[in-house]
Amino acid sequence: VVIKNKPFAPVFYGAAVAGPVFKEISDRLYGTYIKTNKTLIAGSNKKDSSFFAYNGYKADLMYLTEKLKIGFSDSTGRADEWTRVNKNSAKAVLQKMPVNKNAMPPLKGLGLKDAIYLCEEMGLMVQVKGRGKVTEQSIVPGQPIAKGQLVQLYLN
């Protein structure tokens, strides 16, 4: 139970009065129950052998790979293209992701922001279900599209 001393204050709603007090109490309680992992190994520099694949705007992906110091090879041509970057061997590879203005592009693997941008540039109306990356799309990639057509994107 939370009791406030000045019930005639200008702010008297439950969320505005009790909320900050509850947050402070819960933060302090949570801080007392945090368990730290004491089995950390210092100086462990194992190479990451994981596979990854991301789709998106080439300039954005190149910026991220440079900032994260991920070595990559570029097999695309122009700088304003949509690309795939994937790694399953020693180096990440940028590959061209074809986008035809008259056909539905492959959106699987794109983040919501990039998928909506691509669809709206083509004149499509977008309906989204879920969060994360695109896992399915209602219009099959490569199928002809018309301006104003509705596409549903399902995210994971």
N, C-alpha and C. Protein backbone atom coordinates (compact mmCIF):
# COMPACT_ATOMS: atom_id res chain seq x y z
N VAL A 1 0.85 -1.17 0.00
CA VAL A 1 0.00 0.00 0.00
C VAL A 1 0.89 1.23 0.00
N VAL A 2 0.59 2.17 -0.87
CA VAL A 2 1.34 3.42 -0.96
C VAL A 2 0.45 4.54 -0.45
N ILE A 3 0.99 5.33 0.49
CA ILE A 3 0.24 6.45 1.05
C ILE A 3 1.00 7.73 0.74
N LYS A 4 0.29 8.73 0.23
CA LYS A 4 0.89 10.02 -0.09
C LYS A 4 0.46 11.00 0.99
N ASN A 5 1.40 11.83 1.48
CA ASN A 5 1.13 12.73 2.59
C ASN A 5 0.24 13.91 2.22
N LYS A 6 0.32 14.41 1.00
CA LYS A 6 -0.44 15.60 0.62
C LYS A 6 -1.55 15.20 -0.36
N PRO A 7 -2.71 14.79 0.14
CA PRO A 7 -3.76 14.34 -0.76
C PRO A 7 -4.38 15.48 -1.57
N PHE A 8 -4.14 16.76 -1.19
CA PHE A 8 -4.73 17.88 -1.90
C PHE A 8 -3.76 18.52 -2.88
N ALA A 9 -2.71 17.79 -3.26
CA ALA A 9 -1.74 18.29 -4.23
C ALA A 9 -2.42 18.41 -5.60
N PRO A 10 -1.85 19.23 -6.52
CA PRO A 10 -2.48 19.40 -7.83
C PRO A 10 -2.55 18.09 -8.63
N VAL A 11 -1.63 17.18 -8.39
CA VAL A 11 -1.65 15.88 -9.07
C VAL A 11 -2.17 14.87 -8.06
N PHE A 12 -3.36 14.30 -8.32
CA PHE A 12 -3.94 13.39 -7.35
C PHE A 12 -4.39 12.07 -7.96
N TYR A 13 -4.10 11.84 -9.23
CA TYR A 13 -4.51 10.58 -9.85
C TYR A 13 -3.58 9.45 -9.42
N GLY A 14 -4.09 8.24 -9.36
CA GLY A 14 -3.33 7.10 -8.88
C GLY A 14 -2.03 6.86 -9.61
N ALA A 15 -2.07 6.91 -10.93
CA ALA A 15 -0.86 6.64 -11.70
C ALA A 15 0.19 7.72 -11.49
N ALA A 16 -0.23 8.96 -11.35
CA ALA A 16 0.71 10.06 -11.19
C ALA A 16 1.28 10.11 -9.78
N VAL A 17 0.53 9.65 -8.80
CA VAL A 17 0.99 9.70 -7.41
C VAL A 17 1.68 8.40 -7.02
N ALA A 18 1.01 7.28 -7.19
CA ALA A 18 1.55 6.00 -6.73
C ALA A 18 2.57 5.41 -7.70
N GLY A 19 2.46 5.72 -8.98
CA GLY A 19 3.37 5.15 -9.98
C GLY A 19 4.84 5.41 -9.70
N PRO A 20 5.25 6.68 -9.53
CA PRO A 20 6.66 6.95 -9.26
C PRO A 20 7.16 6.31 -7.96
N VAL A 21 6.31 6.26 -6.94
CA VAL A 21 6.70 5.65 -5.68
C VAL A 21 6.90 4.15 -5.87
N PHE A 22 5.96 3.50 -6.56
CA PHE A 22 6.08 2.07 -6.81
C PHE A 22 7.32 1.77 -7.64
N LYS A 23 7.62 2.60 -8.62
CA LYS A 23 8.79 2.39 -9.46
C LYS A 23 10.07 2.44 -8.62
N GLU A 24 10.15 3.41 -7.74
CA GLU A 24 11.34 3.55 -6.89
C GLU A 24 11.50 2.33 -5.98
N ILE A 25 10.41 1.87 -5.39
CA ILE A 25 10.46 0.70 -4.51
C ILE A 25 10.86 -0.54 -5.30
N SER A 26 10.25 -0.74 -6.46
CA SER A 26 10.56 -1.93 -7.25
C SER A 26 11.99 -1.91 -7.78
N ASP A 27 12.50 -0.73 -8.14
CA ASP A 27 13.88 -0.63 -8.60
C ASP A 27 14.85 -1.01 -7.49
N ARG A 28 14.58 -0.57 -6.28
CA ARG A 28 15.46 -0.90 -5.15
C ARG A 28 15.39 -2.39 -4.82
N LEU A 29 14.20 -2.96 -4.86
CA LEU A 29 14.06 -4.40 -4.59
C LEU A 29 14.76 -5.21 -5.66
N TYR A 30 14.58 -4.84 -6.91
CA TYR A 30 15.22 -5.57 -8.01
C TYR A 30 16.73 -5.51 -7.88
N GLY A 31 17.25 -4.35 -7.49
CA GLY A 31 18.69 -4.19 -7.33
C GLY A 31 19.28 -5.07 -6.25
N THR A 32 18.49 -5.42 -5.25
CA THR A 32 19.01 -6.27 -4.18
C THR A 32 19.02 -7.75 -4.57
N TYR A 33 18.26 -8.12 -5.59
CA TYR A 33 18.17 -9.53 -5.98
C TYR A 33 18.94 -9.87 -7.25
N ILE A 34 19.69 -8.93 -7.79
CA ILE A 34 20.47 -9.22 -8.99
C ILE A 34 21.63 -10.13 -8.63
N LYS A 35 21.75 -11.23 -9.36
CA LYS A 35 22.86 -12.16 -9.13
C LYS A 35 23.87 -11.95 -10.23
N THR A 36 25.11 -11.83 -9.86
CA THR A 36 26.16 -11.66 -10.87
C THR A 36 26.81 -12.98 -11.16
N ASN A 37 27.22 -13.17 -12.40
CA ASN A 37 27.89 -14.39 -12.81
C ASN A 37 29.38 -14.22 -12.54
N LYS A 38 29.91 -14.95 -11.60
CA LYS A 38 31.31 -14.80 -11.21
C LYS A 38 32.23 -15.72 -11.99
N THR A 39 31.70 -16.41 -12.99
CA THR A 39 32.52 -17.34 -13.77
C THR A 39 32.95 -16.73 -15.10
N LEU A 40 33.12 -15.43 -15.16
CA LEU A 40 33.57 -14.77 -16.37
C LEU A 40 35.04 -15.09 -16.61
N ILE A 41 35.39 -15.40 -17.84
CA ILE A 41 36.77 -15.71 -18.18
C ILE A 41 37.37 -14.49 -18.86
N ALA A 42 38.37 -13.91 -18.25
CA ALA A 42 39.01 -12.73 -18.81
C ALA A 42 39.89 -13.12 -19.98
N GLY A 43 39.91 -12.29 -21.01
CA GLY A 43 40.79 -12.49 -22.14
C GLY A 43 40.34 -13.58 -23.09
N SER A 44 39.10 -13.96 -23.06
CA SER A 44 38.60 -14.98 -23.98
C SER A 44 38.30 -14.33 -25.32
N ASN A 45 39.12 -14.57 -26.32
CA ASN A 45 38.97 -13.95 -27.64
C ASN A 45 38.66 -15.00 -28.70
N LYS A 46 37.62 -15.77 -28.51
CA LYS A 46 37.25 -16.78 -29.48
C LYS A 46 36.59 -16.10 -30.68
N LYS A 47 36.86 -16.58 -31.87
CA LYS A 47 36.24 -16.06 -33.07
C LYS A 47 34.77 -16.48 -33.10
N ASP A 48 33.93 -15.59 -33.54
CA ASP A 48 32.51 -15.88 -33.67
C ASP A 48 32.29 -16.65 -34.96
N SER A 49 31.81 -17.86 -34.85
CA SER A 49 31.61 -18.68 -36.04
C SER A 49 30.15 -18.74 -36.45
N SER A 50 29.35 -17.83 -35.94
CA SER A 50 27.92 -17.88 -36.22
C SER A 50 27.61 -17.39 -37.63
N PHE A 51 26.53 -17.90 -38.16
CA PHE A 51 26.02 -17.49 -39.47
C PHE A 51 25.06 -16.34 -39.24
N PHE A 52 25.10 -15.33 -40.09
CA PHE A 52 24.09 -14.27 -40.03
C PHE A 52 23.73 -13.83 -41.42
N ALA A 53 22.53 -13.28 -41.55
CA ALA A 53 22.06 -12.76 -42.83
C ALA A 53 21.10 -11.60 -42.54
N TYR A 54 21.37 -10.45 -43.15
CA TYR A 54 20.53 -9.27 -42.97
C TYR A 54 20.25 -8.66 -44.35
N ASN A 55 19.06 -8.14 -44.51
CA ASN A 55 18.68 -7.44 -45.73
C ASN A 55 18.43 -5.99 -45.37
N GLY A 56 18.74 -5.09 -46.30
CA GLY A 56 18.46 -3.68 -46.04
C GLY A 56 19.09 -2.79 -47.08
N TYR A 57 19.07 -1.49 -46.80
CA TYR A 57 19.61 -0.49 -47.70
C TYR A 57 21.14 -0.56 -47.65
N LYS A 58 21.77 -0.58 -48.79
CA LYS A 58 23.21 -0.83 -48.87
C LYS A 58 24.02 0.17 -48.05
N ALA A 59 23.68 1.45 -48.13
CA ALA A 59 24.45 2.46 -47.39
C ALA A 59 24.39 2.21 -45.89
N ASP A 60 23.22 1.81 -45.40
CA ASP A 60 23.07 1.52 -43.97
C ASP A 60 23.89 0.30 -43.56
N LEU A 61 23.82 -0.76 -44.37
CA LEU A 61 24.56 -1.98 -44.05
C LEU A 61 26.07 -1.76 -44.11
N MET A 62 26.52 -0.97 -45.08
CA MET A 62 27.96 -0.68 -45.17
C MET A 62 28.42 0.14 -43.97
N TYR A 63 27.61 1.11 -43.55
CA TYR A 63 27.94 1.92 -42.38
C TYR A 63 28.09 1.03 -41.15
N LEU A 64 27.13 0.13 -40.95
CA LEU A 64 27.17 -0.75 -39.79
C LEU A 64 28.37 -1.69 -39.81
N THR A 65 28.66 -2.28 -40.96
CA THR A 65 29.78 -3.21 -41.02
C THR A 65 31.11 -2.49 -40.78
N GLU A 66 31.21 -1.24 -41.24
CA GLU A 66 32.43 -0.47 -40.98
C GLU A 66 32.55 -0.09 -39.51
N LYS A 67 31.44 0.38 -38.91
CA LYS A 67 31.47 0.78 -37.50
C LYS A 67 31.73 -0.41 -36.58
N LEU A 68 31.19 -1.57 -36.94
CA LEU A 68 31.38 -2.76 -36.12
C LEU A 68 32.66 -3.51 -36.47
N LYS A 69 33.41 -2.96 -37.44
CA LYS A 69 34.68 -3.55 -37.87
C LYS A 69 34.50 -4.99 -38.34
N ILE A 70 33.46 -5.20 -39.14
CA ILE A 70 33.21 -6.50 -39.75
C ILE A 70 33.74 -6.42 -41.17
N GLY A 71 34.74 -7.22 -41.47
CA GLY A 71 35.28 -7.24 -42.83
C GLY A 71 34.25 -7.79 -43.80
N PHE A 72 34.13 -7.19 -44.97
CA PHE A 72 33.16 -7.68 -45.94
C PHE A 72 33.70 -7.48 -47.35
N SER A 73 33.15 -8.25 -48.28
CA SER A 73 33.44 -8.03 -49.69
C SER A 73 32.15 -7.61 -50.36
N ASP A 74 32.25 -6.70 -51.33
CA ASP A 74 31.09 -6.12 -51.99
C ASP A 74 30.97 -6.68 -53.40
N SER A 75 29.88 -7.42 -53.65
CA SER A 75 29.66 -7.96 -54.98
C SER A 75 28.57 -7.20 -55.72
N THR A 76 28.18 -6.02 -55.19
CA THR A 76 27.16 -5.20 -55.84
C THR A 76 27.82 -4.09 -56.63
N GLY A 77 27.01 -3.34 -57.37
CA GLY A 77 27.57 -2.26 -58.18
C GLY A 77 27.32 -0.88 -57.62
N ARG A 78 26.09 -0.41 -57.70
CA ARG A 78 25.75 0.96 -57.34
C ARG A 78 25.56 1.12 -55.83
N ALA A 79 25.66 2.36 -55.39
CA ALA A 79 25.57 2.63 -53.95
C ALA A 79 24.14 2.77 -53.45
N ASP A 80 23.16 2.94 -54.34
CA ASP A 80 21.80 3.19 -53.87
C ASP A 80 20.90 1.96 -53.99
N GLU A 81 21.46 0.77 -53.86
CA GLU A 81 20.69 -0.44 -54.01
C GLU A 81 20.37 -1.08 -52.67
N TRP A 82 19.39 -1.93 -52.71
CA TRP A 82 19.05 -2.77 -51.56
C TRP A 82 19.92 -4.00 -51.62
N THR A 83 20.44 -4.41 -50.49
CA THR A 83 21.39 -5.50 -50.49
C THR A 83 21.10 -6.51 -49.39
N ARG A 84 21.77 -7.64 -49.53
CA ARG A 84 21.79 -8.67 -48.49
C ARG A 84 23.23 -8.76 -48.02
N VAL A 85 23.43 -8.85 -46.74
CA VAL A 85 24.77 -9.13 -46.22
C VAL A 85 24.66 -10.42 -45.42
N ASN A 86 25.49 -11.38 -45.76
CA ASN A 86 25.46 -12.63 -45.01
C ASN A 86 26.86 -13.15 -44.81
N LYS A 87 26.99 -13.96 -43.80
CA LYS A 87 28.29 -14.52 -43.46
C LYS A 87 28.09 -15.98 -43.09
N ASN A 88 28.75 -16.82 -43.81
CA ASN A 88 28.76 -18.23 -43.42
C ASN A 88 30.16 -18.81 -43.56
N SER A 89 31.11 -17.93 -43.85
CA SER A 89 32.51 -18.35 -43.90
C SER A 89 33.33 -17.29 -43.18
N ALA A 90 34.53 -17.02 -43.64
CA ALA A 90 35.42 -16.10 -42.95
C ALA A 90 35.02 -14.64 -43.09
N LYS A 91 34.34 -14.27 -44.15
CA LYS A 91 34.06 -12.86 -44.41
C LYS A 91 32.60 -12.65 -44.77
N ALA A 92 32.06 -11.51 -44.37
CA ALA A 92 30.70 -11.15 -44.76
C ALA A 92 30.70 -10.70 -46.22
N VAL A 93 29.60 -10.98 -46.91
CA VAL A 93 29.49 -10.65 -48.33
C VAL A 93 28.23 -9.84 -48.57
N LEU A 94 28.37 -8.69 -49.25
CA LEU A 94 27.22 -7.90 -49.68
C LEU A 94 26.79 -8.42 -51.04
N GLN A 95 25.51 -8.78 -51.16
CA GLN A 95 24.97 -9.26 -52.42
C GLN A 95 23.81 -8.38 -52.84
N LYS A 96 23.65 -8.21 -54.14
CA LYS A 96 22.58 -7.37 -54.67
C LYS A 96 21.23 -8.00 -54.37
N MET A 97 20.28 -7.17 -53.95
CA MET A 97 18.91 -7.60 -53.73
C MET A 97 18.07 -6.91 -54.80
N PRO A 98 17.66 -7.62 -55.85
CA PRO A 98 16.97 -6.97 -56.96
C PRO A 98 15.62 -6.39 -56.56
N VAL A 99 15.36 -5.15 -56.98
CA VAL A 99 14.09 -4.49 -56.72
C VAL A 99 13.57 -3.95 -58.04
N ASN A 100 12.46 -4.52 -58.53
CA ASN A 100 11.81 -4.09 -59.75
C ASN A 100 10.59 -3.27 -59.35
N LYS A 101 10.42 -2.07 -59.90
CA LYS A 101 9.32 -1.18 -59.50
C LYS A 101 7.94 -1.71 -59.89
N ASN A 102 7.86 -2.68 -60.81
CA ASN A 102 6.57 -3.20 -61.27
C ASN A 102 6.24 -4.56 -60.68
N ALA A 103 7.12 -5.11 -59.88
CA ALA A 103 6.89 -6.43 -59.29
C ALA A 103 7.18 -6.37 -57.79
N MET A 104 6.53 -7.27 -57.07
CA MET A 104 6.70 -7.32 -55.62
C MET A 104 8.12 -7.76 -55.27
N PRO A 105 8.84 -6.96 -54.46
CA PRO A 105 10.20 -7.35 -54.07
C PRO A 105 10.19 -8.39 -52.96
N PRO A 106 11.28 -9.12 -52.80
CA PRO A 106 11.37 -10.05 -51.66
C PRO A 106 11.66 -9.24 -50.39
N LEU A 107 10.75 -9.28 -49.45
CA LEU A 107 10.88 -8.49 -48.22
C LEU A 107 11.33 -9.32 -47.03
N LYS A 108 11.41 -10.62 -47.18
CA LYS A 108 11.77 -11.49 -46.07
C LYS A 108 13.16 -11.12 -45.54
N GLY A 109 13.24 -10.91 -44.23
CA GLY A 109 14.50 -10.56 -43.60
C GLY A 109 14.69 -9.06 -43.40
N LEU A 110 13.87 -8.24 -44.05
CA LEU A 110 13.98 -6.79 -43.87
C LEU A 110 13.37 -6.38 -42.54
N GLY A 111 13.90 -5.30 -41.97
CA GLY A 111 13.28 -4.70 -40.81
C GLY A 111 12.03 -3.96 -41.25
N LEU A 112 11.17 -3.63 -40.30
CA LEU A 112 9.89 -2.99 -40.63
C LEU A 112 10.08 -1.66 -41.35
N LYS A 113 11.02 -0.84 -40.88
CA LYS A 113 11.25 0.48 -41.48
C LYS A 113 11.61 0.35 -42.96
N ASP A 114 12.54 -0.54 -43.29
CA ASP A 114 12.95 -0.71 -44.68
C ASP A 114 11.83 -1.31 -45.53
N ALA A 115 11.09 -2.26 -44.98
CA ALA A 115 10.00 -2.90 -45.73
C ALA A 115 8.91 -1.89 -46.06
N ILE A 116 8.54 -1.08 -45.08
CA ILE A 116 7.50 -0.07 -45.32
C ILE A 116 7.99 0.97 -46.32
N TYR A 117 9.22 1.40 -46.20
CA TYR A 117 9.78 2.37 -47.15
C TYR A 117 9.71 1.83 -48.57
N LEU A 118 10.17 0.59 -48.77
CA LEU A 118 10.16 -0.02 -50.10
C LEU A 118 8.75 -0.11 -50.65
N CYS A 119 7.81 -0.59 -49.86
CA CYS A 119 6.43 -0.77 -50.31
C CYS A 119 5.77 0.57 -50.63
N GLU A 120 5.97 1.56 -49.77
CA GLU A 120 5.34 2.85 -50.02
C GLU A 120 5.94 3.57 -51.21
N GLU A 121 7.23 3.36 -51.48
CA GLU A 121 7.85 3.91 -52.69
C GLU A 121 7.23 3.32 -53.95
N MET A 122 6.72 2.10 -53.86
CA MET A 122 6.09 1.44 -55.00
C MET A 122 4.60 1.71 -55.06
N GLY A 123 4.07 2.49 -54.10
CA GLY A 123 2.66 2.85 -54.09
C GLY A 123 1.76 1.82 -53.43
N LEU A 124 2.34 0.90 -52.67
CA LEU A 124 1.56 -0.13 -52.00
C LEU A 124 1.08 0.36 -50.63
N MET A 125 -0.07 -0.15 -50.21
CA MET A 125 -0.55 0.11 -48.85
C MET A 125 -0.11 -1.08 -48.01
N VAL A 126 0.38 -0.80 -46.80
CA VAL A 126 0.99 -1.84 -45.97
C VAL A 126 0.16 -2.07 -44.71
N GLN A 127 -0.06 -3.33 -44.40
CA GLN A 127 -0.68 -3.73 -43.14
C GLN A 127 0.31 -4.66 -42.44
N VAL A 128 0.59 -4.39 -41.17
CA VAL A 128 1.65 -5.10 -40.46
C VAL A 128 1.06 -5.90 -39.30
N LYS A 129 1.56 -7.11 -39.13
CA LYS A 129 1.19 -7.94 -37.98
C LYS A 129 2.46 -8.47 -37.34
N GLY A 130 2.67 -8.17 -36.07
CA GLY A 130 3.83 -8.66 -35.34
C GLY A 130 4.89 -7.59 -35.18
N ARG A 131 6.09 -8.02 -34.70
CA ARG A 131 7.22 -7.13 -34.51
C ARG A 131 8.47 -7.84 -34.98
N GLY A 132 9.49 -7.05 -35.29
CA GLY A 132 10.77 -7.63 -35.67
C GLY A 132 11.02 -7.52 -37.16
N LYS A 133 11.47 -8.64 -37.74
CA LYS A 133 11.77 -8.68 -39.17
C LYS A 133 10.65 -9.38 -39.93
N VAL A 134 10.58 -9.09 -41.22
CA VAL A 134 9.55 -9.69 -42.07
C VAL A 134 9.85 -11.18 -42.24
N THR A 135 8.85 -12.01 -41.93
CA THR A 135 8.99 -13.45 -42.14
C THR A 135 8.12 -13.94 -43.29
N GLU A 136 7.01 -13.25 -43.54
CA GLU A 136 6.11 -13.61 -44.63
C GLU A 136 5.50 -12.34 -45.21
N GLN A 137 5.06 -12.44 -46.47
CA GLN A 137 4.37 -11.34 -47.12
C GLN A 137 3.22 -11.91 -47.92
N SER A 138 2.11 -11.14 -48.00
CA SER A 138 0.90 -11.67 -48.65
C SER A 138 1.02 -11.71 -50.17
N ILE A 139 1.84 -10.87 -50.77
CA ILE A 139 2.06 -10.89 -52.22
C ILE A 139 3.38 -11.60 -52.47
N VAL A 140 3.35 -12.59 -53.31
CA VAL A 140 4.53 -13.41 -53.60
C VAL A 140 5.58 -12.55 -54.31
N PRO A 141 6.86 -12.65 -53.91
CA PRO A 141 7.91 -11.89 -54.59
C PRO A 141 7.94 -12.19 -56.09
N GLY A 142 8.04 -11.13 -56.89
CA GLY A 142 8.07 -11.27 -58.34
C GLY A 142 6.71 -11.11 -59.00
N GLN A 143 5.63 -11.15 -58.21
CA GLN A 143 4.28 -11.01 -58.75
C GLN A 143 4.04 -9.55 -59.13
N PRO A 144 3.37 -9.27 -60.27
CA PRO A 144 3.08 -7.88 -60.65
C PRO A 144 2.22 -7.19 -59.60
N ILE A 145 2.45 -5.90 -59.41
CA ILE A 145 1.72 -5.13 -58.40
C ILE A 145 1.10 -3.90 -59.05
N ALA A 146 0.10 -3.34 -58.39
CA ALA A 146 -0.54 -2.10 -58.84
C ALA A 146 -0.53 -1.10 -57.70
N LYS A 147 -0.46 0.18 -58.04
CA LYS A 147 -0.47 1.22 -57.01
C LYS A 147 -1.77 1.13 -56.21
N GLY A 148 -1.66 1.30 -54.90
CA GLY A 148 -2.82 1.23 -54.02
C GLY A 148 -3.15 -0.18 -53.55
N GLN A 149 -2.43 -1.18 -54.03
CA GLN A 149 -2.68 -2.56 -53.63
C GLN A 149 -2.24 -2.76 -52.18
N LEU A 150 -2.96 -3.60 -51.46
CA LEU A 150 -2.66 -3.87 -50.05
C LEU A 150 -1.74 -5.08 -49.94
N VAL A 151 -0.67 -4.92 -49.17
CA VAL A 151 0.23 -6.03 -48.86
C VAL A 151 0.28 -6.19 -47.35
N GLN A 152 0.15 -7.43 -46.89
CA GLN A 152 0.25 -7.71 -45.48
C GLN A 152 1.62 -8.28 -45.18
N LEU A 153 2.27 -7.71 -44.16
CA LEU A 153 3.59 -8.17 -43.74
C LEU A 153 3.47 -8.83 -42.38
N TYR A 154 4.03 -10.02 -42.26
CA TYR A 154 4.01 -10.75 -41.00
C TYR A 154 5.43 -10.75 -40.44
N LEU A 155 5.58 -10.27 -39.22
CA LEU A 155 6.89 -10.15 -38.59
C LEU A 155 7.01 -11.17 -37.46
N ASN A 156 8.27 -11.53 -37.14
CA ASN A 156 8.46 -12.50 -36.05
C ASN A 156 8.53 -11.80 -34.72
